[in-house]
């Protein structure tokens, strides 16, 4: 998976970049069809924010936004939101498969 990091009106430390790379390597285990990810770091006067977009083949992108006092905290918050959305999508896909083609639960007879 390709990771693109953009910093708007700020600079990102190497430790934060490496932390982002470690976090997004975990995404490969959760969703094998993830093709690329984009991180946008932005700072205002009193807050730091991170927008994370995960591009998945054949599906709309998954977007997570995180705010915090530091870029690392904002990144962790955005990643947690992405992770929750990926797990929720996976659960829905598994439930649909178990329902069968008629859309009903199989009977226990």
N, C-alpha and C. Protein backbone atom coordinates (compact mmCIF):
# COMPACT_ATOMS: atom_id res chain seq x y z
N UNK A 1 0.84 -1.17 0.00
CA UNK A 1 0.00 0.00 0.00
C UNK A 1 0.89 1.24 0.00
N UNK A 2 0.51 2.21 -0.79
CA UNK A 2 1.26 3.45 -0.91
C UNK A 2 0.71 4.48 0.07
N UNK A 3 1.58 5.12 0.84
CA UNK A 3 1.20 6.12 1.82
C UNK A 3 1.76 7.47 1.40
N UNK A 4 0.89 8.47 1.26
CA UNK A 4 1.29 9.83 0.91
C UNK A 4 1.03 10.73 2.10
N UNK A 5 2.06 11.46 2.52
CA UNK A 5 1.95 12.35 3.67
C UNK A 5 2.13 13.78 3.20
N UNK A 6 1.17 14.63 3.57
CA UNK A 6 1.20 16.05 3.20
C UNK A 6 1.11 16.88 4.47
N UNK A 7 1.94 17.91 4.57
CA UNK A 7 1.89 18.82 5.71
C UNK A 7 1.48 20.20 5.20
N UNK A 8 0.39 20.71 5.73
CA UNK A 8 -0.11 22.03 5.33
C UNK A 8 0.18 23.04 6.43
N UNK A 9 0.99 24.04 6.11
CA UNK A 9 1.34 25.12 7.03
C UNK A 9 2.06 24.62 8.27
N UNK A 10 2.81 23.53 8.14
CA UNK A 10 3.53 22.99 9.29
C UNK A 10 4.62 22.05 8.77
N UNK A 11 5.38 21.49 9.68
CA UNK A 11 6.37 20.47 9.32
C UNK A 11 6.18 19.28 10.25
N UNK A 12 6.48 18.11 9.72
CA UNK A 12 6.27 16.85 10.44
C UNK A 12 7.63 16.25 10.78
N UNK A 13 7.77 15.78 12.01
CA UNK A 13 9.03 15.17 12.42
C UNK A 13 9.17 13.77 11.81
N UNK A 14 10.39 13.30 11.76
CA UNK A 14 10.64 11.95 11.24
C UNK A 14 10.00 10.88 12.12
N UNK A 15 9.96 11.12 13.42
CA UNK A 15 9.35 10.15 14.33
C UNK A 15 7.85 10.03 14.05
N UNK A 16 7.19 11.13 13.75
CA UNK A 16 5.76 11.09 13.43
C UNK A 16 5.53 10.39 12.11
N UNK A 17 6.39 10.62 11.13
CA UNK A 17 6.28 9.92 9.84
C UNK A 17 6.44 8.41 10.02
N UNK A 18 7.41 8.01 10.82
CA UNK A 18 7.63 6.59 11.05
C UNK A 18 6.44 5.97 11.81
N UNK A 19 5.89 6.71 12.75
CA UNK A 19 4.71 6.23 13.48
C UNK A 19 3.54 6.03 12.51
N UNK A 20 3.36 6.96 11.59
CA UNK A 20 2.30 6.84 10.58
C UNK A 20 2.52 5.61 9.71
N UNK A 21 3.74 5.37 9.29
CA UNK A 21 4.05 4.19 8.48
C UNK A 21 3.74 2.90 9.23
N UNK A 22 4.08 2.86 10.53
CA UNK A 22 3.79 1.67 11.33
C UNK A 22 2.30 1.43 11.46
N UNK A 23 1.55 2.50 11.71
CA UNK A 23 0.10 2.36 11.85
C UNK A 23 -0.54 1.86 10.56
N UNK A 24 -0.13 2.40 9.44
CA UNK A 24 -0.79 2.03 8.19
C UNK A 24 -0.31 0.68 7.65
N UNK A 25 0.77 0.16 8.16
CA UNK A 25 1.14 -1.22 7.82
C UNK A 25 0.14 -2.20 8.45
N UNK A 26 -0.47 -1.79 9.57
CA UNK A 26 -1.48 -2.64 10.21
C UNK A 26 -2.75 -2.72 9.36
N UNK A 27 -2.99 -1.71 8.54
CA UNK A 27 -4.19 -1.69 7.69
C UNK A 27 -4.16 -2.86 6.72
N UNK A 28 -2.99 -3.23 6.23
CA UNK A 28 -2.88 -4.34 5.28
C UNK A 28 -3.45 -5.63 5.86
N UNK A 29 -3.33 -5.79 7.16
CA UNK A 29 -3.89 -6.99 7.78
C UNK A 29 -5.41 -6.92 7.88
N UNK A 30 -5.95 -5.71 8.06
CA UNK A 30 -7.39 -5.56 8.20
C UNK A 30 -8.12 -5.60 6.86
N UNK A 31 -7.51 -5.02 5.85
CA UNK A 31 -8.19 -4.92 4.56
C UNK A 31 -7.16 -5.13 3.46
N UNK A 32 -7.23 -6.26 2.79
CA UNK A 32 -6.20 -6.60 1.81
C UNK A 32 -6.38 -5.83 0.50
N UNK A 33 -7.56 -5.24 0.27
CA UNK A 33 -7.79 -4.52 -0.98
C UNK A 33 -7.47 -3.04 -0.88
N UNK A 34 -6.88 -2.60 0.22
CA UNK A 34 -6.51 -1.20 0.37
C UNK A 34 -5.36 -0.90 -0.59
N UNK A 35 -5.54 0.11 -1.42
CA UNK A 35 -4.54 0.40 -2.44
C UNK A 35 -3.61 1.53 -2.04
N UNK A 36 -4.15 2.58 -1.42
CA UNK A 36 -3.32 3.70 -1.02
C UNK A 36 -3.97 4.45 0.14
N UNK A 37 -3.17 5.27 0.78
CA UNK A 37 -3.65 6.09 1.89
C UNK A 37 -3.03 7.47 1.77
N UNK A 38 -3.78 8.47 2.17
CA UNK A 38 -3.32 9.85 2.15
C UNK A 38 -3.50 10.46 3.53
N UNK A 39 -2.45 11.04 4.06
CA UNK A 39 -2.49 11.73 5.35
C UNK A 39 -2.22 13.21 5.12
N UNK A 40 -3.07 14.05 5.67
CA UNK A 40 -2.87 15.50 5.58
C UNK A 40 -2.77 16.05 6.99
N UNK A 41 -1.61 16.56 7.33
CA UNK A 41 -1.39 17.18 8.64
C UNK A 41 -1.61 18.67 8.48
N UNK A 42 -2.36 19.26 9.41
CA UNK A 42 -2.64 20.69 9.34
C UNK A 42 -2.64 21.26 10.75
N UNK A 43 -2.20 22.50 10.87
CA UNK A 43 -2.19 23.13 12.18
C UNK A 43 -2.88 24.48 12.11
N UNK A 44 -3.65 24.76 13.14
CA UNK A 44 -4.24 26.08 13.35
C UNK A 44 -3.52 26.69 14.54
N UNK A 45 -4.07 27.75 15.05
CA UNK A 45 -3.40 28.43 16.16
C UNK A 45 -3.25 27.55 17.38
N UNK A 46 -4.33 26.84 17.76
CA UNK A 46 -4.30 26.09 19.01
C UNK A 46 -4.50 24.59 18.86
N UNK A 47 -4.69 24.10 17.65
CA UNK A 47 -4.95 22.66 17.52
C UNK A 47 -4.22 22.10 16.31
N UNK A 48 -4.01 20.83 16.38
CA UNK A 48 -3.39 20.10 15.28
C UNK A 48 -4.40 19.06 14.80
N UNK A 49 -4.50 18.90 13.49
CA UNK A 49 -5.48 17.95 12.97
C UNK A 49 -4.86 17.11 11.87
N UNK A 50 -5.43 15.92 11.71
CA UNK A 50 -4.98 14.97 10.70
C UNK A 50 -6.21 14.45 9.96
N UNK A 51 -6.18 14.52 8.65
CA UNK A 51 -7.20 13.90 7.81
C UNK A 51 -6.57 12.68 7.16
N UNK A 52 -7.19 11.54 7.34
CA UNK A 52 -6.68 10.29 6.78
C UNK A 52 -7.71 9.74 5.80
N UNK A 53 -7.28 9.43 4.60
CA UNK A 53 -8.14 8.83 3.58
C UNK A 53 -7.52 7.51 3.17
N UNK A 54 -8.34 6.49 3.19
CA UNK A 54 -7.91 5.16 2.78
C UNK A 54 -8.67 4.80 1.51
N UNK A 55 -7.95 4.53 0.45
CA UNK A 55 -8.56 4.20 -0.83
C UNK A 55 -8.58 2.68 -0.97
N UNK A 56 -9.79 2.16 -1.19
CA UNK A 56 -10.00 0.72 -1.31
C UNK A 56 -10.54 0.44 -2.70
N UNK A 57 -10.01 -0.57 -3.35
CA UNK A 57 -10.43 -0.91 -4.70
C UNK A 57 -11.92 -1.26 -4.74
N UNK A 58 -12.66 -0.58 -5.62
CA UNK A 58 -14.06 -0.89 -5.82
C UNK A 58 -15.00 -0.32 -4.78
N UNK A 59 -14.52 0.54 -3.87
CA UNK A 59 -15.35 1.11 -2.83
C UNK A 59 -15.02 2.58 -2.67
N UNK A 60 -15.94 3.35 -2.09
CA UNK A 60 -15.60 4.75 -1.81
C UNK A 60 -14.51 4.83 -0.74
N UNK A 61 -13.76 5.92 -0.72
CA UNK A 61 -12.68 6.03 0.29
C UNK A 61 -13.24 6.09 1.70
N UNK A 62 -12.43 5.63 2.63
CA UNK A 62 -12.77 5.67 4.05
C UNK A 62 -12.01 6.85 4.63
N UNK A 63 -12.73 7.73 5.33
CA UNK A 63 -12.13 8.97 5.81
C UNK A 63 -12.19 9.01 7.33
N UNK A 64 -11.07 9.35 7.94
CA UNK A 64 -11.01 9.54 9.39
C UNK A 64 -10.33 10.85 9.70
N UNK A 65 -10.88 11.59 10.63
CA UNK A 65 -10.30 12.87 11.02
C UNK A 65 -10.03 12.85 12.51
N UNK A 66 -8.87 13.36 12.87
CA UNK A 66 -8.51 13.41 14.28
C UNK A 66 -7.92 14.75 14.65
N UNK A 67 -8.24 15.22 15.84
CA UNK A 67 -7.69 16.46 16.39
C UNK A 67 -7.01 16.15 17.70
N UNK A 68 -6.05 16.98 18.05
CA UNK A 68 -5.37 16.79 19.31
C UNK A 68 -4.34 17.87 19.57
N UNK A 69 -3.76 17.83 20.76
CA UNK A 69 -2.74 18.84 21.09
C UNK A 69 -1.43 18.62 20.35
N UNK A 70 -1.17 17.38 19.92
CA UNK A 70 0.03 17.08 19.15
C UNK A 70 -0.37 16.32 17.89
N UNK A 71 0.54 16.29 16.93
CA UNK A 71 0.26 15.56 15.70
C UNK A 71 0.13 14.07 15.95
N UNK A 72 0.89 13.55 16.88
CA UNK A 72 0.83 12.12 17.17
C UNK A 72 -0.53 11.74 17.76
N UNK A 73 -1.06 12.55 18.66
CA UNK A 73 -2.38 12.29 19.24
C UNK A 73 -3.47 12.41 18.18
N UNK A 74 -3.36 13.40 17.30
CA UNK A 74 -4.33 13.56 16.23
C UNK A 74 -4.26 12.39 15.25
N UNK A 75 -3.05 11.91 14.96
CA UNK A 75 -2.87 10.76 14.07
C UNK A 75 -3.48 9.50 14.68
N UNK A 76 -3.26 9.29 15.96
CA UNK A 76 -3.83 8.12 16.63
C UNK A 76 -5.36 8.17 16.61
N UNK A 77 -5.93 9.35 16.82
CA UNK A 77 -7.37 9.50 16.79
C UNK A 77 -7.93 9.22 15.40
N UNK A 78 -7.30 9.76 14.37
CA UNK A 78 -7.76 9.52 13.00
C UNK A 78 -7.63 8.05 12.63
N UNK A 79 -6.54 7.42 13.05
CA UNK A 79 -6.34 6.00 12.73
C UNK A 79 -7.37 5.13 13.44
N UNK A 80 -7.71 5.47 14.69
CA UNK A 80 -8.74 4.71 15.41
C UNK A 80 -10.08 4.77 14.68
N UNK A 81 -10.41 5.93 14.15
CA UNK A 81 -11.66 6.06 13.40
C UNK A 81 -11.63 5.23 12.13
N UNK A 82 -10.50 5.25 11.42
CA UNK A 82 -10.37 4.42 10.22
C UNK A 82 -10.51 2.95 10.56
N UNK A 83 -9.86 2.54 11.62
CA UNK A 83 -9.88 1.14 12.03
C UNK A 83 -11.29 0.68 12.39
N UNK A 84 -12.04 1.53 13.11
CA UNK A 84 -13.42 1.19 13.46
C UNK A 84 -14.28 1.04 12.21
N UNK A 85 -14.10 1.94 11.24
CA UNK A 85 -14.88 1.86 10.02
C UNK A 85 -14.55 0.60 9.23
N UNK A 86 -13.27 0.24 9.17
CA UNK A 86 -12.87 -0.97 8.45
C UNK A 86 -13.46 -2.21 9.11
N UNK A 87 -13.41 -2.27 10.43
CA UNK A 87 -13.97 -3.42 11.14
C UNK A 87 -15.48 -3.51 10.95
N UNK A 88 -16.15 -2.35 10.95
CA UNK A 88 -17.60 -2.33 10.74
C UNK A 88 -17.94 -2.81 9.33
N UNK A 89 -17.20 -2.38 8.32
CA UNK A 89 -17.43 -2.85 6.95
C UNK A 89 -17.20 -4.35 6.84
N UNK A 90 -16.18 -4.83 7.50
CA UNK A 90 -15.88 -6.26 7.46
C UNK A 90 -17.01 -7.07 8.09
N UNK A 91 -17.50 -6.61 9.25
CA UNK A 91 -18.60 -7.30 9.92
C UNK A 91 -19.85 -7.33 9.04
N UNK A 92 -20.15 -6.23 8.39
CA UNK A 92 -21.33 -6.19 7.51
C UNK A 92 -21.18 -7.18 6.36
N UNK A 93 -19.99 -7.25 5.79
CA UNK A 93 -19.76 -8.18 4.68
C UNK A 93 -19.91 -9.62 5.15
N UNK A 94 -19.42 -9.94 6.32
CA UNK A 94 -19.54 -11.30 6.86
C UNK A 94 -21.00 -11.62 7.15
N UNK A 95 -21.76 -10.68 7.70
CA UNK A 95 -23.17 -10.92 7.98
C UNK A 95 -23.97 -11.14 6.70
N UNK A 96 -23.66 -10.38 5.66
CA UNK A 96 -24.37 -10.56 4.39
C UNK A 96 -24.09 -11.92 3.79
N UNK A 97 -22.86 -12.37 3.91
CA UNK A 97 -22.51 -13.70 3.37
C UNK A 97 -23.25 -14.79 4.12
N UNK A 98 -23.40 -14.64 5.43
CA UNK A 98 -24.03 -15.70 6.21
C UNK A 98 -25.55 -15.73 6.00
N UNK A 99 -26.13 -14.64 5.47
CA UNK A 99 -27.57 -14.61 5.24
C UNK A 99 -27.97 -15.40 4.00
N UNK A 100 -27.07 -15.60 3.09
CA UNK A 100 -27.38 -16.36 1.88
C UNK A 100 -28.01 -15.48 0.81
N UNK A 101 -28.32 -16.07 -0.34
CA UNK A 101 -28.80 -15.27 -1.46
C UNK A 101 -30.21 -14.72 -1.28
N UNK A 102 -31.02 -15.30 -0.41
CA UNK A 102 -32.38 -14.82 -0.21
C UNK A 102 -32.45 -13.64 0.74
N UNK A 103 -31.38 -13.38 1.47
CA UNK A 103 -31.37 -12.27 2.42
C UNK A 103 -31.92 -12.63 3.77
N UNK A 104 -32.25 -13.90 4.00
CA UNK A 104 -32.78 -14.34 5.30
C UNK A 104 -31.75 -15.21 5.99
N UNK A 105 -31.88 -15.28 7.28
CA UNK A 105 -31.03 -16.17 8.06
C UNK A 105 -31.41 -17.61 7.74
N UNK A 106 -30.43 -18.52 7.64
CA UNK A 106 -30.77 -19.93 7.41
C UNK A 106 -31.51 -20.51 8.59
N UNK A 107 -32.48 -21.36 8.31
CA UNK A 107 -33.27 -21.98 9.39
C UNK A 107 -32.46 -23.08 10.05
N UNK A 108 -32.79 -23.36 11.29
CA UNK A 108 -32.06 -24.37 12.07
C UNK A 108 -32.79 -25.70 12.06
N UNK A 109 -33.28 -26.15 10.92
CA UNK A 109 -34.00 -27.42 10.85
C UNK A 109 -33.11 -28.53 10.38
